Amino acid sequence: MDYLLNEEQLMIRDLARQIAREKIKPIAARYDTEGIFPWDIVKIMADSDLFGIYIDEKYGGTGGGCMELVLATEELSKACGGIALSLAATALGAYPIILFGSEEQKQ
C-alpha cells in the first residue's frame, strides 16, 4: 500500500524489509523452537540504527518518529513477530524518557 512515504521513510522500510528477508526469516523458526533470544539479530538491527529511528538527533537518534518505528516493526513482523517486538518494545521505555525526562545535567 502506498502511504505517501517520504524518501527517508522508504529507506527505513526497505532496510527493515531487507533485514527481515535476509537475516530473520531464514532462522526465525530456530529461535522459536529453541526459545533463545536473537542477540545476533538485535546486533544487526542496532548496527543498522533501527533502535534509534524514532529518537531525535540531539539524543543520538536518526530523527524519525512513531511512523518510522511502525514501518520498521511492520516489515520485521513479516519475518518474525517476536523479533520485531524486540525493536518495538524499546519505545516502551524510551518514549516516556524522551517526552518527560529532564535535560538538566547533574553537576
C-alpha atoms as a PDB file:
ATOM      1  CA  MET A   1       0.000   0.000   0.000  1.00  0.00           C
ATOM      2  CA  ASP A   2       1.220   3.484  -0.811  1.00  0.00           C
ATOM      3  CA  TYR A   3       1.209   5.627   2.321  1.00  0.00           C
ATOM      4  CA  LEU A   4       2.845   8.616   0.591  1.00  0.00           C
ATOM      5  CA  LEU A   5       6.048   7.911   2.453  1.00  0.00           C
ATOM      6  CA  ASN A   6       8.943  10.323   2.200  1.00  0.00           C
ATOM      7  CA  GLU A   7      12.378   9.243   0.987  1.00  0.00           C
ATOM      8  CA  GLU A   8      13.741   8.585   4.484  1.00  0.00           C
ATOM      9  CA  GLN A   9      10.707   6.514   5.443  1.00  0.00           C
ATOM     10  CA  LEU A  10      11.068   4.452   2.273  1.00  0.00           C
ATOM     11  CA  MET A  11      14.739   3.839   3.108  1.00  0.00           C
ATOM     12  CA  ILE A  12      13.833   2.701   6.640  1.00  0.00           C
ATOM     13  CA  ARG A  13      11.091   0.425   5.334  1.00  0.00           C
ATOM     14  CA  ASP A  14      13.397  -1.076   2.729  1.00  0.00           C
ATOM     15  CA  LEU A  15      16.225  -1.599   5.228  1.00  0.00           C
ATOM     16  CA  ALA A  16      13.915  -3.343   7.678  1.00  0.00           C
ATOM     17  CA  ARG A  17      12.465  -5.426   4.842  1.00  0.00           C
ATOM     18  CA  GLN A  18      15.948  -6.491   3.764  1.00  0.00           C
ATOM     19  CA  ILE A  19      16.945  -7.463   7.306  1.00  0.00           C
ATOM     20  CA  ALA A  20      13.691  -9.391   7.691  1.00  0.00           C
ATOM     21  CA  ARG A  21      14.145 -11.333   4.461  1.00  0.00           C
ATOM     22  CA  GLU A  22      17.866 -11.976   4.594  1.00  0.00           C
ATOM     23  CA  LYS A  23      18.647 -12.278   8.300  1.00  0.00           C
ATOM     24  CA  ILE A  24      15.471 -13.081  10.234  1.00  0.00           C
ATOM     25  CA  LYS A  25      13.258 -15.249   8.049  1.00  0.00           C
ATOM     26  CA  PRO A  26      15.866 -17.993   7.488  1.00  0.00           C
ATOM     27  CA  ILE A  27      16.392 -18.508  11.244  1.00  0.00           C
ATOM     28  CA  ALA A  28      13.149 -17.392  12.914  1.00  0.00           C
ATOM     29  CA  ALA A  29      11.805 -20.905  13.423  1.00  0.00           C
ATOM     30  CA  ARG A  30      15.021 -21.944  15.172  1.00  0.00           C
ATOM     31  CA  TYR A  31      14.675 -19.167  17.729  1.00  0.00           C
ATOM     32  CA  ASP A  32      11.069 -20.175  18.396  1.00  0.00           C
ATOM     33  CA  THR A  33      11.914 -23.856  18.691  1.00  0.00           C
ATOM     34  CA  GLU A  34      14.952 -23.380  20.918  1.00  0.00           C
ATOM     35  CA  GLY A  35      13.493 -20.480  22.901  1.00  0.00           C
ATOM     36  CA  ILE A  36      16.658 -18.392  22.680  1.00  0.00           C
ATOM     37  CA  PHE A  37      16.975 -14.628  22.436  1.00  0.00           C
ATOM     38  CA  PRO A  38      18.210 -13.470  18.993  1.00  0.00           C
ATOM     39  CA  TRP A  39      21.213 -11.429  20.124  1.00  0.00           C
ATOM     40  CA  ASP A  40      22.840 -11.676  16.696  1.00  0.00           C
ATOM     41  CA  ILE A  41      19.753 -10.186  15.030  1.00  0.00           C
ATOM     42  CA  VAL A  42      19.488  -7.472  17.689  1.00  0.00           C
ATOM     43  CA  LYS A  43      23.100  -6.551  16.911  1.00  0.00           C
ATOM     44  CA  ILE A  44      22.283  -6.314  13.212  1.00  0.00           C
ATOM     45  CA  MET A  45      19.311  -4.057  13.973  1.00  0.00           C
ATOM     46  CA  ALA A  46      21.447  -1.911  16.288  1.00  0.00           C
ATOM     47  CA  ASP A  47      24.259  -1.641  13.741  1.00  0.00           C
ATOM     48  CA  SER A  48      21.641  -0.555  11.185  1.00  0.00           C
ATOM     49  CA  ASP A  49      20.419   2.199  13.555  1.00  0.00           C
ATOM     50  CA  LEU A  50      16.907   0.766  13.733  1.00  0.00           C
ATOM     51  CA  PHE A  51      16.826   1.257  17.511  1.00  0.00           C
ATOM     52  CA  GLY A  52      17.300   4.990  17.026  1.00  0.00           C
ATOM     53  CA  ILE A  53      14.875   5.668  14.197  1.00  0.00           C
ATOM     54  CA  TYR A  54      12.269   7.279  16.452  1.00  0.00           C
ATOM     55  CA  ILE A  55      14.724   9.235  18.609  1.00  0.00           C
ATOM     56  CA  ASP A  56      15.595  12.882  17.961  1.00  0.00           C
ATOM     57  CA  GLU A  57      19.049  13.531  16.539  1.00  0.00           C
ATOM     58  CA  LYS A  58      20.006  15.646  19.561  1.00  0.00           C
ATOM     59  CA  TYR A  59      19.778  12.453  21.638  1.00  0.00           C
ATOM     60  CA  GLY A  60      21.750  10.339  19.158  1.00  0.00           C
ATOM     61  CA  GLY A  61      18.865   9.016  17.089  1.00  0.00           C
ATOM     62  CA  THR A  62      18.118   9.488  13.428  1.00  0.00           C
ATOM     63  CA  GLY A  63      15.318  11.997  13.953  1.00  0.00           C
ATOM     64  CA  GLY A  64      12.298  10.000  12.891  1.00  0.00           C
ATOM     65  CA  GLY A  65       9.190   9.373  14.896  1.00  0.00           C
ATOM     66  CA  CYS A  66       6.465   6.886  15.589  1.00  0.00           C
ATOM     67  CA  MET A  67       5.710   6.333  11.898  1.00  0.00           C
ATOM     68  CA  GLU A  68       9.305   5.270  11.243  1.00  0.00           C
ATOM     69  CA  LEU A  69       9.151   2.836  14.159  1.00  0.00           C
ATOM     70  CA  VAL A  70       5.886   1.414  12.836  1.00  0.00           C
ATOM     71  CA  LEU A  71       7.311   0.968   9.331  1.00  0.00           C
ATOM     72  CA  ALA A  72      10.326  -0.954  10.619  1.00  0.00           C
ATOM     73  CA  THR A  73       8.270  -3.045  13.036  1.00  0.00           C
ATOM     74  CA  GLU A  74       5.783  -3.940  10.310  1.00  0.00           C
ATOM     75  CA  GLU A  75       8.493  -5.168   7.968  1.00  0.00           C
ATOM     76  CA  LEU A  76      10.310  -7.149  10.676  1.00  0.00           C
ATOM     77  CA  SER A  77       6.996  -8.688  11.779  1.00  0.00           C
ATOM     78  CA  LYS A  78       6.575 -10.236   8.352  1.00  0.00           C
ATOM     79  CA  ALA A  79       9.518 -12.493   9.219  1.00  0.00           C
ATOM     80  CA  CYS A  80       9.061 -12.876  12.998  1.00  0.00           C
ATOM     81  CA  GLY A  81       6.703 -11.109  15.363  1.00  0.00           C
ATOM     82  CA  GLY A  82       8.848 -11.875  18.382  1.00  0.00           C
ATOM     83  CA  ILE A  83      11.987 -10.363  16.933  1.00  0.00           C
ATOM     84  CA  ALA A  84      10.017  -7.342  15.704  1.00  0.00           C
ATOM     85  CA  LEU A  85       8.756  -6.911  19.248  1.00  0.00           C
ATOM     86  CA  SER A  86      12.341  -6.581  20.474  1.00  0.00           C
ATOM     87  CA  LEU A  87      12.522  -3.411  18.385  1.00  0.00           C
ATOM     88  CA  ALA A  88       9.060  -2.087  19.184  1.00  0.00           C
ATOM     89  CA  ALA A  89       9.422  -2.694  22.928  1.00  0.00           C
ATOM     90  CA  THR A  90      12.398  -0.356  23.149  1.00  0.00           C
ATOM     91  CA  ALA A  91       9.963   2.507  22.651  1.00  0.00           C
ATOM     92  CA  LEU A  92       8.052   1.492  25.772  1.00  0.00           C
ATOM     93  CA  GLY A  93      10.937   2.686  27.885  1.00  0.00           C
ATOM     94  CA  ALA A  94      12.396   5.312  25.599  1.00  0.00           C
ATOM     95  CA  TYR A  95       9.283   7.336  24.774  1.00  0.00           C
ATOM     96  CA  PRO A  96       8.485   8.278  28.399  1.00  0.00           C
ATOM     97  CA  ILE A  97      12.081   9.394  28.852  1.00  0.00           C
ATOM     98  CA  ILE A  98      12.016  11.366  25.599  1.00  0.00           C
ATOM     99  CA  LEU A  99       8.695  13.013  26.453  1.00  0.00           C
ATOM    100  CA  PHE A 100       9.107  13.619  30.168  1.00  0.00           C
ATOM    101  CA  GLY A 101      12.769  13.203  31.015  1.00  0.00           C
ATOM    102  CA  SER A 102      14.834  16.124  32.176  1.00  0.00           C
ATOM    103  CA  GLU A 103      17.534  17.629  30.002  1.00  0.00           C
ATOM    104  CA  GLU A 104      19.249  19.064  33.039  1.00  0.00           C
ATOM    105  CA  GLN A 105      22.637  17.645  33.787  1.00  0.00           C
ATOM    106  CA  LYS A 106      23.750  16.812  37.289  1.00  0.00           C
ATOM    107  CA  GLN A 107      26.856  18.627  38.406  1.00  0.00           C
END
